[in-house]
Amino acid sequence: MNIKFNGDLEKIIADAAKGTMKQAASEHQKMLDSLVRRYKGRPVAEIKPVLKREWSRNGGSISDPGLTEYATLISEGTRFQVKVGR
């Protein structure tokens, strides 16, 4: 069996994945926006376990240094902008 593609296979795969990536980025954006609203001004130590749980709920994992960095920004009230690359 031969399969022929009209065009670049890498582009075909990237285009197919783009919708899923945009949806995941949108879900993370909503999660981070919610955390900033709810936890602005709160201690980093209080935010980290909540952030880790929410990150896991969205199917991801995050390192402790990453948790600290994001929790610090959340505590400061910094809004994140989640973008899909390429």
PDB file of N, CA and C in Angstrom:
ATOM      1  N   MET A   1       0.843  -1.169   0.000  1.00  0.00           N
ATOM      2  CA  MET A   1       0.000   0.000   0.000  1.00  0.00           C
ATOM      3  C   MET A   1       0.892   1.236   0.000  1.00  0.00           C
ATOM      4  N   ASN A   2       0.632   2.127  -0.885  1.00  0.00           N
ATOM      5  CA  ASN A   2       1.366   3.389  -0.960  1.00  0.00           C
ATOM      6  C   ASN A   2       0.453   4.532  -0.542  1.00  0.00           C
ATOM      7  N   ILE A   3       1.013   5.438   0.236  1.00  0.00           N
ATOM      8  CA  ILE A   3       0.280   6.638   0.647  1.00  0.00           C
ATOM      9  C   ILE A   3       0.998   7.826   0.048  1.00  0.00           C
ATOM     10  N   LYS A   4       0.244   8.686  -0.608  1.00  0.00           N
ATOM     11  CA  LYS A   4       0.829   9.887  -1.201  1.00  0.00           C
ATOM     12  C   LYS A   4       0.201  11.111  -0.547  1.00  0.00           C
ATOM     13  N   PHE A   5       1.042  12.074  -0.251  1.00  0.00           N
ATOM     14  CA  PHE A   5       0.589  13.328   0.327  1.00  0.00           C
ATOM     15  C   PHE A   5       0.784  14.434  -0.685  1.00  0.00           C
ATOM     16  N   ASN A   6      -0.197  15.265  -0.809  1.00  0.00           N
ATOM     17  CA  ASN A   6      -0.050  16.463  -1.621  1.00  0.00           C
ATOM     18  C   ASN A   6       0.419  17.575  -0.693  1.00  0.00           C
ATOM     19  N   GLY A   7       1.687  17.834  -0.678  1.00  0.00           N
ATOM     20  CA  GLY A   7       2.226  18.862   0.207  1.00  0.00           C
ATOM     21  C   GLY A   7       3.184  18.284   1.221  1.00  0.00           C
ATOM     22  N   ASP A   8       3.607  19.118   2.091  1.00  0.00           N
ATOM     23  CA  ASP A   8       4.600  18.792   3.103  1.00  0.00           C
ATOM     24  C   ASP A   8       3.944  18.083   4.283  1.00  0.00           C
ATOM     25  N   LEU A   9       4.395  16.872   4.606  1.00  0.00           N
ATOM     26  CA  LEU A   9       3.822  16.078   5.696  1.00  0.00           C
ATOM     27  C   LEU A   9       3.913  16.823   7.035  1.00  0.00           C
ATOM     28  N   GLU A  10       5.036  17.493   7.271  1.00  0.00           N
ATOM     29  CA  GLU A  10       5.195  18.244   8.522  1.00  0.00           C
ATOM     30  C   GLU A  10       4.129  19.335   8.649  1.00  0.00           C
ATOM     31  N   LYS A  11       3.834  20.021   7.561  1.00  0.00           N
ATOM     32  CA  LYS A  11       2.808  21.073   7.574  1.00  0.00           C
ATOM     33  C   LYS A  11       1.431  20.475   7.795  1.00  0.00           C
ATOM     34  N   ILE A  12       1.150  19.348   7.209  1.00  0.00           N
ATOM     35  CA  ILE A  12      -0.142  18.680   7.379  1.00  0.00           C
ATOM     36  C   ILE A  12      -0.350  18.311   8.849  1.00  0.00           C
ATOM     37  N   ILE A  13       0.679  17.745   9.459  1.00  0.00           N
ATOM     38  CA  ILE A  13       0.585  17.354  10.872  1.00  0.00           C
ATOM     39  C   ILE A  13       0.449  18.591  11.759  1.00  0.00           C
ATOM     40  N   ALA A  14       1.246  19.624  11.483  1.00  0.00           N
ATOM     41  CA  ALA A  14       1.187  20.852  12.278  1.00  0.00           C
ATOM     42  C   ALA A  14      -0.190  21.496  12.191  1.00  0.00           C
ATOM     43  N   ASP A  15      -0.758  21.538  11.008  1.00  0.00           N
ATOM     44  CA  ASP A  15      -2.088  22.117  10.833  1.00  0.00           C
ATOM     45  C   ASP A  15      -3.146  21.325  11.598  1.00  0.00           C
ATOM     46  N   ALA A  16      -3.010  20.008  11.580  1.00  0.00           N
ATOM     47  CA  ALA A  16      -3.975  19.164  12.291  1.00  0.00           C
ATOM     48  C   ALA A  16      -3.881  19.370  13.800  1.00  0.00           C
ATOM     49  N   ALA A  17      -2.682  19.587  14.299  1.00  0.00           N
ATOM     50  CA  ALA A  17      -2.476  19.750  15.739  1.00  0.00           C
ATOM     51  C   ALA A  17      -2.800  21.153  16.235  1.00  0.00           C
ATOM     52  N   LYS A  18      -2.832  22.123  15.347  1.00  0.00           N
ATOM     53  CA  LYS A  18      -3.009  23.517  15.744  1.00  0.00           C
ATOM     54  C   LYS A  18      -4.295  23.750  16.539  1.00  0.00           C
ATOM     55  N   GLY A  19      -5.388  23.150  16.126  1.00  0.00           N
ATOM     56  CA  GLY A  19      -6.653  23.324  16.837  1.00  0.00           C
ATOM     57  C   GLY A  19      -6.583  22.804  18.261  1.00  0.00           C
ATOM     58  N   THR A  20      -5.968  21.654  18.434  1.00  0.00           N
ATOM     59  CA  THR A  20      -5.808  21.074  19.769  1.00  0.00           C
ATOM     60  C   THR A  20      -4.909  21.954  20.624  1.00  0.00           C
ATOM     61  N   MET A  21      -3.844  22.470  20.047  1.00  0.00           N
ATOM     62  CA  MET A  21      -2.921  23.341  20.784  1.00  0.00           C
ATOM     63  C   MET A  21      -3.616  24.638  21.200  1.00  0.00           C
ATOM     64  N   LYS A  22      -4.427  25.199  20.306  1.00  0.00           N
ATOM     65  CA  LYS A  22      -5.152  26.426  20.637  1.00  0.00           C
ATOM     66  C   LYS A  22      -6.144  26.176  21.772  1.00  0.00           C
ATOM     67  N   GLN A  23      -6.805  25.044  21.749  1.00  0.00           N
ATOM     68  CA  GLN A  23      -7.759  24.716  22.803  1.00  0.00           C
ATOM     69  C   GLN A  23      -7.039  24.561  24.140  1.00  0.00           C
ATOM     70  N   ALA A  24      -5.904  23.879  24.151  1.00  0.00           N
ATOM     71  CA  ALA A  24      -5.134  23.703  25.376  1.00  0.00           C
ATOM     72  C   ALA A  24      -4.636  25.051  25.896  1.00  0.00           C
ATOM     73  N   ALA A  25      -4.178  25.907  25.003  1.00  0.00           N
ATOM     74  CA  ALA A  25      -3.714  27.238  25.401  1.00  0.00           C
ATOM     75  C   ALA A  25      -4.860  28.048  25.998  1.00  0.00           C
ATOM     76  N   SER A  26      -6.034  27.939  25.416  1.00  0.00           N
ATOM     77  CA  SER A  26      -7.209  28.650  25.920  1.00  0.00           C
ATOM     78  C   SER A  26      -7.574  28.174  27.326  1.00  0.00           C
ATOM     79  N   GLU A  27      -7.519  26.874  27.554  1.00  0.00           N
ATOM     80  CA  GLU A  27      -7.824  26.314  28.873  1.00  0.00           C
ATOM     81  C   GLU A  27      -6.801  26.782  29.915  1.00  0.00           C
ATOM     82  N   HIS A  28      -5.526  26.798  29.552  1.00  0.00           N
ATOM     83  CA  HIS A  28      -4.495  27.279  30.480  1.00  0.00           C
ATOM     84  C   HIS A  28      -4.672  28.775  30.750  1.00  0.00           C
ATOM     85  N   GLN A  29      -5.044  29.525  29.725  1.00  0.00           N
ATOM     86  CA  GLN A  29      -5.260  30.957  29.900  1.00  0.00           C
ATOM     87  C   GLN A  29      -6.370  31.212  30.911  1.00  0.00           C
ATOM     88  N   LYS A  30      -7.474  30.507  30.764  1.00  0.00           N
ATOM     89  CA  LYS A  30      -8.597  30.666  31.695  1.00  0.00           C
ATOM     90  C   LYS A  30      -8.183  30.303  33.119  1.00  0.00           C
ATOM     91  N   MET A  31      -7.432  29.220  33.262  1.00  0.00           N
ATOM     92  CA  MET A  31      -6.983  28.772  34.574  1.00  0.00           C
ATOM     93  C   MET A  31      -6.079  29.818  35.222  1.00  0.00           C
ATOM     94  N   LEU A  32      -5.111  30.326  34.467  1.00  0.00           N
ATOM     95  CA  LEU A  32      -4.183  31.302  35.015  1.00  0.00           C
ATOM     96  C   LEU A  32      -4.886  32.622  35.347  1.00  0.00           C
ATOM     97  N   ASP A  33      -5.794  33.064  34.481  1.00  0.00           N
ATOM     98  CA  ASP A  33      -6.558  34.290  34.753  1.00  0.00           C
ATOM     99  C   ASP A  33      -7.351  34.158  36.044  1.00  0.00           C
ATOM    100  N   SER A  34      -7.966  33.004  36.229  1.00  0.00           N
ATOM    101  CA  SER A  34      -8.750  32.760  37.431  1.00  0.00           C
ATOM    102  C   SER A  34      -7.867  32.783  38.673  1.00  0.00           C
ATOM    103  N   LEU A  35      -6.702  32.166  38.588  1.00  0.00           N
ATOM    104  CA  LEU A  35      -5.790  32.140  39.731  1.00  0.00           C
ATOM    105  C   LEU A  35      -5.297  33.544  40.080  1.00  0.00           C
ATOM    106  N   VAL A  36      -5.001  34.351  39.072  1.00  0.00           N
ATOM    107  CA  VAL A  36      -4.557  35.723  39.331  1.00  0.00           C
ATOM    108  C   VAL A  36      -5.666  36.503  40.039  1.00  0.00           C
ATOM    109  N   ARG A  37      -6.903  36.355  39.578  1.00  0.00           N
ATOM    110  CA  ARG A  37      -8.026  37.062  40.215  1.00  0.00           C
ATOM    111  C   ARG A  37      -8.212  36.628  41.669  1.00  0.00           C
ATOM    112  N   ARG A  38      -8.111  35.332  41.915  1.00  0.00           N
ATOM    113  CA  ARG A  38      -8.407  34.801  43.252  1.00  0.00           C
ATOM    114  C   ARG A  38      -7.247  34.911  44.241  1.00  0.00           C
ATOM    115  N   TYR A  39      -6.007  34.883  43.740  1.00  0.00           N
ATOM    116  CA  TYR A  39      -4.861  34.773  44.640  1.00  0.00           C
ATOM    117  C   TYR A  39      -3.904  35.960  44.607  1.00  0.00           C
ATOM    118  N   LYS A  40      -4.257  37.021  43.902  1.00  0.00           N
ATOM    119  CA  LYS A  40      -3.411  38.215  43.896  1.00  0.00           C
ATOM    120  C   LYS A  40      -3.216  38.690  45.341  1.00  0.00           C
ATOM    121  N   GLY A  41      -1.966  38.925  45.712  1.00  0.00           N
ATOM    122  CA  GLY A  41      -1.651  39.409  47.047  1.00  0.00           C
ATOM    123  C   GLY A  41      -1.503  38.323  48.104  1.00  0.00           C
ATOM    124  N   ARG A  42      -1.769  37.082  47.727  1.00  0.00           N
ATOM    125  CA  ARG A  42      -1.658  35.965  48.675  1.00  0.00           C
ATOM    126  C   ARG A  42      -0.231  35.421  48.669  1.00  0.00           C
ATOM    127  N   PRO A  43       0.159  34.724  49.735  1.00  0.00           N
ATOM    128  CA  PRO A  43       1.526  34.172  49.814  1.00  0.00           C
ATOM    129  C   PRO A  43       1.787  33.096  48.752  1.00  0.00           C
ATOM    130  N   VAL A  44       3.007  33.094  48.247  1.00  0.00           N
ATOM    131  CA  VAL A  44       3.430  32.117  47.239  1.00  0.00           C
ATOM    132  C   VAL A  44       3.202  30.695  47.747  1.00  0.00           C
ATOM    133  N   ALA A  45       3.513  30.441  49.011  1.00  0.00           N
ATOM    134  CA  ALA A  45       3.348  29.096  49.583  1.00  0.00           C
ATOM    135  C   ALA A  45       1.891  28.641  49.553  1.00  0.00           C
ATOM    136  N   GLU A  46       0.961  29.552  49.603  1.00  0.00           N
ATOM    137  CA  GLU A  46      -0.458  29.215  49.517  1.00  0.00           C
ATOM    138  C   GLU A  46      -0.886  28.936  48.084  1.00  0.00           C
ATOM    139  N   ILE A  47      -0.258  29.618  47.146  1.00  0.00           N
ATOM    140  CA  ILE A  47      -0.629  29.512  45.725  1.00  0.00           C
ATOM    141  C   ILE A  47      -0.064  28.249  45.079  1.00  0.00           C
ATOM    142  N   LYS A  48       1.151  27.857  45.464  1.00  0.00           N
ATOM    143  CA  LYS A  48       1.826  26.740  44.795  1.00  0.00           C
ATOM    144  C   LYS A  48       1.016  25.442  44.763  1.00  0.00           C
ATOM    145  N   PRO A  49       0.431  24.974  45.868  1.00  0.00           N
ATOM    146  CA  PRO A  49      -0.320  23.718  45.784  1.00  0.00           C
ATOM    147  C   PRO A  49      -1.578  23.839  44.920  1.00  0.00           C
ATOM    148  N   VAL A  50      -2.193  25.003  44.947  1.00  0.00           N
ATOM    149  CA  VAL A  50      -3.388  25.229  44.116  1.00  0.00           C
ATOM    150  C   VAL A  50      -2.989  25.226  42.647  1.00  0.00           C
ATOM    151  N   LEU A  51      -1.912  25.916  42.330  1.00  0.00           N
ATOM    152  CA  LEU A  51      -1.418  25.978  40.957  1.00  0.00           C
ATOM    153  C   LEU A  51      -1.036  24.593  40.453  1.00  0.00           C
ATOM    154  N   LYS A  52      -0.353  23.825  41.278  1.00  0.00           N
ATOM    155  CA  LYS A  52       0.053  22.467  40.881  1.00  0.00           C
ATOM    156  C   LYS A  52      -1.172  21.598  40.592  1.00  0.00           C
ATOM    157  N   ARG A  53      -2.171  21.687  41.442  1.00  0.00           N
ATOM    158  CA  ARG A  53      -3.407  20.909  41.247  1.00  0.00           C
ATOM    159  C   ARG A  53      -4.115  21.319  39.954  1.00  0.00           C
ATOM    160  N   GLU A  54      -4.230  22.633  39.740  1.00  0.00           N
ATOM    161  CA  GLU A  54      -4.904  23.118  38.530  1.00  0.00           C
ATOM    162  C   GLU A  54      -4.126  22.754  37.272  1.00  0.00           C
ATOM    163  N   TRP A  55      -2.810  22.847  37.348  1.00  0.00           N
ATOM    164  CA  TRP A  55      -1.966  22.505  36.201  1.00  0.00           C
ATOM    165  C   TRP A  55      -2.170  21.025  35.851  1.00  0.00           C
ATOM    166  N   SER A  56      -2.196  20.173  36.870  1.00  0.00           N
ATOM    167  CA  SER A  56      -2.411  18.733  36.662  1.00  0.00           C
ATOM    168  C   SER A  56      -3.795  18.459  36.092  1.00  0.00           C
ATOM    169  N   ARG A  57      -4.773  19.195  36.565  1.00  0.00           N
ATOM    170  CA  ARG A  57      -6.154  19.024  36.078  1.00  0.00           C
ATOM    171  C   ARG A  57      -6.241  19.293  34.583  1.00  0.00           C
ATOM    172  N   ASN A  58      -5.372  20.186  34.094  1.00  0.00           N
ATOM    173  CA  ASN A  58      -5.341  20.497  32.663  1.00  0.00           C
ATOM    174  C   ASN A  58      -4.397  19.566  31.903  1.00  0.00           C
ATOM    175  N   GLY A  59      -3.951  18.485  32.555  1.00  0.00           N
ATOM    176  CA  GLY A  59      -3.168  17.472  31.868  1.00  0.00           C
ATOM    177  C   GLY A  59      -1.679  17.740  31.810  1.00  0.00           C
ATOM    178  N   GLY A  60      -1.185  18.668  32.607  1.00  0.00           N
ATOM    179  CA  GLY A  60       0.228  18.985  32.553  1.00  0.00           C
ATOM    180  C   GLY A  60       0.937  18.738  33.863  1.00  0.00           C
ATOM    181  N   SER A  61       2.224  18.953  33.835  1.00  0.00           N
ATOM    182  CA  SER A  61       3.019  18.904  35.055  1.00  0.00           C
ATOM    183  C   SER A  61       3.944  20.110  35.027  1.00  0.00           C
ATOM    184  N   ILE A  62       4.396  20.507  36.206  1.00  0.00           N
ATOM    185  CA  ILE A  62       5.249  21.686  36.304  1.00  0.00           C
ATOM    186  C   ILE A  62       6.261  21.443  37.423  1.00  0.00           C
ATOM    187  N   SER A  63       7.488  21.857  37.200  1.00  0.00           N
ATOM    188  CA  SER A  63       8.563  21.661  38.188  1.00  0.00           C
ATOM    189  C   SER A  63       8.373  22.611  39.365  1.00  0.00           C
ATOM    190  N   ASP A  64       9.047  22.312  40.468  1.00  0.00           N
ATOM    191  CA  ASP A  64       8.950  23.194  41.635  1.00  0.00           C
ATOM    192  C   ASP A  64       9.469  24.600  41.329  1.00  0.00           C
ATOM    193  N   PRO A  65      10.607  24.737  40.627  1.00  0.00           N
ATOM    194  CA  PRO A  65      11.037  26.099  40.284  1.00  0.00           C
ATOM    195  C   PRO A  65      10.004  26.824  39.410  1.00  0.00           C
ATOM    196  N   GLY A  66       9.374  26.090  38.510  1.00  0.00           N
ATOM    197  CA  GLY A  66       8.313  26.680  37.680  1.00  0.00           C
ATOM    198  C   GLY A  66       7.121  27.102  38.517  1.00  0.00           C
ATOM    199  N   LEU A  67       6.737  26.246  39.460  1.00  0.00           N
ATOM    200  CA  LEU A  67       5.638  26.589  40.370  1.00  0.00           C
ATOM    201  C   LEU A  67       5.935  27.868  41.126  1.00  0.00           C
ATOM    202  N   THR A  68       7.156  27.969  41.647  1.00  0.00           N
ATOM    203  CA  THR A  68       7.548  29.153  42.412  1.00  0.00           C
ATOM    204  C   THR A  68       7.492  30.405  41.539  1.00  0.00           C
ATOM    205  N   GLU A  69       7.998  30.291  40.325  1.00  0.00           N
ATOM    206  CA  GLU A  69       8.001  31.441  39.410  1.00  0.00           C
ATOM    207  C   GLU A  69       6.571  31.890  39.084  1.00  0.00           C
ATOM    208  N   TYR A  70       5.732  30.956  38.695  1.00  0.00           N
ATOM    209  CA  TYR A  70       4.350  31.297  38.350  1.00  0.00           C
ATOM    210  C   TYR A  70       3.585  31.785  39.580  1.00  0.00           C
ATOM    211  N   ALA A  71       3.767  31.124  40.721  1.00  0.00           N
ATOM    212  CA  ALA A  71       3.061  31.525  41.941  1.00  0.00           C
ATOM    213  C   ALA A  71       3.467  32.930  42.367  1.00  0.00           C
ATOM    214  N   THR A  72       4.735  33.268  42.187  1.00  0.00           N
ATOM    215  CA  THR A  72       5.199  34.620  42.506  1.00  0.00           C
ATOM    216  C   THR A  72       4.505  35.644  41.612  1.00  0.00           C
ATOM    217  N   LEU A  73       4.427  35.355  40.328  1.00  0.00           N
ATOM    218  CA  LEU A  73       3.767  36.272  39.397  1.00  0.00           C
ATOM    219  C   LEU A  73       2.274  36.391  39.706  1.00  0.00           C
ATOM    220  N   ILE A  74       1.648  35.283  40.055  1.00  0.00           N
ATOM    221  CA  ILE A  74       0.233  35.306  40.428  1.00  0.00           C
ATOM    222  C   ILE A  74       0.049  36.177  41.668  1.00  0.00           C
ATOM    223  N   SER A  75       0.891  35.990  42.658  1.00  0.00           N
ATOM    224  CA  SER A  75       0.823  36.776  43.890  1.00  0.00           C
ATOM    225  C   SER A  75       0.964  38.264  43.591  1.00  0.00           C
ATOM    226  N   GLU A  76       1.809  38.593  42.633  1.00  0.00           N
ATOM    227  CA  GLU A  76       2.035  39.988  42.251  1.00  0.00           C
ATOM    228  C   GLU A  76       0.905  40.549  41.387  1.00  0.00           C
ATOM    229  N   GLY A  77       0.009  39.669  40.931  1.00  0.00           N
ATOM    230  CA  GLY A  77      -1.108  40.117  40.091  1.00  0.00           C
ATOM    231  C   GLY A  77      -0.769  40.235  38.622  1.00  0.00           C
ATOM    232  N   THR A  78       0.320  39.614  38.210  1.00  0.00           N
ATOM    233  CA  THR A  78       0.754  39.668  36.815  1.00  0.00           C
ATOM    234  C   THR A  78      -0.138  38.785  35.951  1.00  0.00           C
ATOM    235  N   ARG A  79      -0.652  39.339  34.851  1.00  0.00           N
ATOM    236  CA  ARG A  79      -1.475  38.553  33.937  1.00  0.00           C
ATOM    237  C   ARG A  79      -0.571  37.875  32.918  1.00  0.00           C
ATOM    238  N   PHE A  80      -0.819  36.621  32.700  1.00  0.00           N
ATOM    239  CA  PHE A  80      -0.077  35.831  31.723  1.00  0.00           C
ATOM    240  C   PHE A  80      -0.783  35.908  30.379  1.00  0.00           C
ATOM    241  N   GLN A  81      -0.032  35.739  29.318  1.00  0.00           N
ATOM    242  CA  GLN A  81      -0.640  35.597  28.006  1.00  0.00           C
ATOM    243  C   GLN A  81      -0.100  34.304  27.400  1.00  0.00           C
ATOM    244  N   VAL A  82      -0.965  33.304  27.322  1.00  0.00           N
ATOM    245  CA  VAL A  82      -0.594  31.997  26.796  1.00  0.00           C
ATOM    246  C   VAL A  82      -0.710  32.060  25.274  1.00  0.00           C
ATOM    247  N   LYS A  83       0.379  31.690  24.598  1.00  0.00           N
ATOM    248  CA  LYS A  83       0.401  31.730  23.132  1.00  0.00           C
ATOM    249  C   LYS A  83       0.789  30.364  22.588  1.00  0.00           C
ATOM    250  N   VAL A  84       0.279  30.070  21.411  1.00  0.00           N
ATOM    251  CA  VAL A  84       0.654  28.854  20.690  1.00  0.00           C
ATOM    252  C   VAL A  84       1.788  29.231  19.761  1.00  0.00           C
ATOM    253  N   GLY A  85       2.898  28.482  19.839  1.00  0.00           N
ATOM    254  CA  GLY A  85       4.062  28.778  19.018  1.00  0.00           C
ATOM    255  C   GLY A  85       3.837  28.484  17.543  1.00  0.00           C
ATOM    256  N   ARG A  86       4.628  29.124  16.744  1.00  0.00           N
ATOM    257  CA  ARG A  86       4.658  28.991  15.284  1.00  0.00           C
ATOM    258  C   ARG A  86       3.373  29.355  14.721  1.00  0.00           C
TER     259      ARG A  86
END
